[in-house]
């Protein structure tokens, strides 16, 4: 008895991949599927291939990227501050504040 094919929706639920992404893989020829009764049917051997491909992708992505909590944020860019008034130069009157 041949193994049963799965619909696009069943594959989406099983792998946790959006249906649109699976449909895009079918359109790109990465997954073979048959269109019957208004839906795509995917063969079990294609699911094995997809599982193998998806299994290697997250492991390599997780190993190469640091955890999201430890990602350093760039330092904020400081706005230039106006120069602080220093003591009056010799020969200038003292500054008056508040008047």
Protein backbone atom coordinates (compact mmCIF):
# COMPACT_ATOMS: atom_id res chain seq x y z
CA UNK A 1 0.00 0.00 0.00
CA UNK A 2 1.50 3.38 -0.97
CA UNK A 3 2.06 5.99 1.70
CA UNK A 4 -0.63 8.69 1.75
CA UNK A 5 0.03 12.13 0.33
CA UNK A 6 -0.57 15.18 2.45
CA UNK A 7 -2.32 18.42 1.59
CA UNK A 8 -0.69 21.81 1.72
CA UNK A 9 -2.53 22.60 4.95
CA UNK A 10 -1.45 19.34 6.63
CA UNK A 11 2.19 19.97 5.72
CA UNK A 12 1.90 23.53 6.99
CA UNK A 13 0.62 22.34 10.37
CA UNK A 14 3.15 19.49 10.62
CA UNK A 15 6.20 21.65 9.87
CA UNK A 16 4.99 24.95 11.33
CA UNK A 17 5.59 26.72 8.00
CA UNK A 18 3.04 29.14 6.52
CA UNK A 19 1.12 27.77 3.54
CA UNK A 20 2.36 30.68 1.40
CA UNK A 21 5.98 29.64 2.02
CA UNK A 22 5.29 26.04 1.05
CA UNK A 23 3.44 27.25 -2.04
CA UNK A 24 6.46 29.39 -2.95
CA UNK A 25 8.74 26.33 -2.58
CA UNK A 26 6.42 24.41 -4.93
CA UNK A 27 6.44 27.29 -7.43
CA UNK A 28 10.26 27.45 -7.30
CA UNK A 29 10.53 23.69 -7.85
CA UNK A 30 12.09 22.96 -4.47
CA UNK A 31 9.18 20.65 -3.59
CA UNK A 32 7.26 18.50 -6.05
CA UNK A 33 3.50 18.47 -5.65
CA UNK A 34 0.45 17.36 -7.59
CA UNK A 35 -2.60 19.59 -7.96
CA UNK A 36 -5.78 17.52 -7.45
CA UNK A 37 -9.28 18.40 -6.37
CA UNK A 38 -8.35 22.07 -5.95
CA UNK A 39 -5.42 21.53 -3.61
CA UNK A 40 -1.78 20.56 -3.73
CA UNK A 41 -0.88 17.04 -2.63
CA UNK A 42 2.68 16.42 -1.51
CA UNK A 43 4.26 12.95 -1.60
CA UNK A 44 5.87 11.43 1.50
CA UNK A 45 9.34 11.33 -0.10
CA UNK A 46 9.12 15.09 -0.63
CA UNK A 47 8.20 15.51 3.05
CA UNK A 48 11.31 13.54 4.03
CA UNK A 49 13.41 15.81 1.81
CA UNK A 50 11.74 18.92 3.28
CA UNK A 51 12.28 17.64 6.83
CA UNK A 52 15.96 16.99 6.12
CA UNK A 53 16.44 20.45 4.56
CA UNK A 54 14.56 22.23 7.34
CA UNK A 55 16.43 20.30 10.04
CA UNK A 56 19.83 21.51 8.87
CA UNK A 57 18.77 25.12 8.40
CA UNK A 58 17.73 26.06 11.98
CA UNK A 59 20.76 24.31 13.55
CA UNK A 60 23.22 26.28 11.44
CA UNK A 61 21.28 29.50 11.93
CA UNK A 62 21.19 29.06 15.71
CA UNK A 63 24.91 28.24 15.97
CA UNK A 64 26.04 31.19 13.88
CA UNK A 65 23.86 33.86 15.45
CA UNK A 66 24.19 35.11 19.03
CA UNK A 67 21.15 34.94 21.32
CA UNK A 68 18.80 37.85 20.79
CA UNK A 69 19.12 39.02 24.41
CA UNK A 70 22.87 39.55 24.11
CA UNK A 71 22.81 41.57 20.90
CA UNK A 72 24.40 44.91 21.66
CA UNK A 73 22.47 47.97 20.63
CA UNK A 74 24.41 50.79 19.04
CA UNK A 75 25.19 53.70 21.30
CA UNK A 76 22.86 56.68 20.84
CA UNK A 77 24.29 59.53 18.86
CA UNK A 78 24.92 62.46 21.15
CA UNK A 79 23.73 65.85 20.00
CA UNK A 80 26.40 68.55 20.06
CA UNK A 81 26.06 70.69 23.15
CA UNK A 82 26.56 74.45 23.03
CA UNK A 83 29.77 75.52 24.73
CA UNK A 84 29.43 76.27 28.42
CA UNK A 85 30.13 79.84 29.37
CA UNK A 86 33.48 80.15 31.10
CA UNK A 87 34.80 82.95 33.20
CA UNK A 88 34.71 86.37 31.54
CA UNK A 89 37.78 87.38 29.62
CA UNK A 90 39.83 90.19 31.08
CA UNK A 91 38.39 93.54 30.16
CA UNK A 92 34.78 92.27 29.70
CA UNK A 93 31.99 93.11 32.13
CA UNK A 94 30.60 90.20 34.21
CA UNK A 95 27.52 88.48 32.77
CA UNK A 96 24.11 89.26 34.21
CA UNK A 97 21.63 86.35 34.53
CA UNK A 98 17.92 86.66 35.18
CA UNK A 99 17.59 90.35 34.40
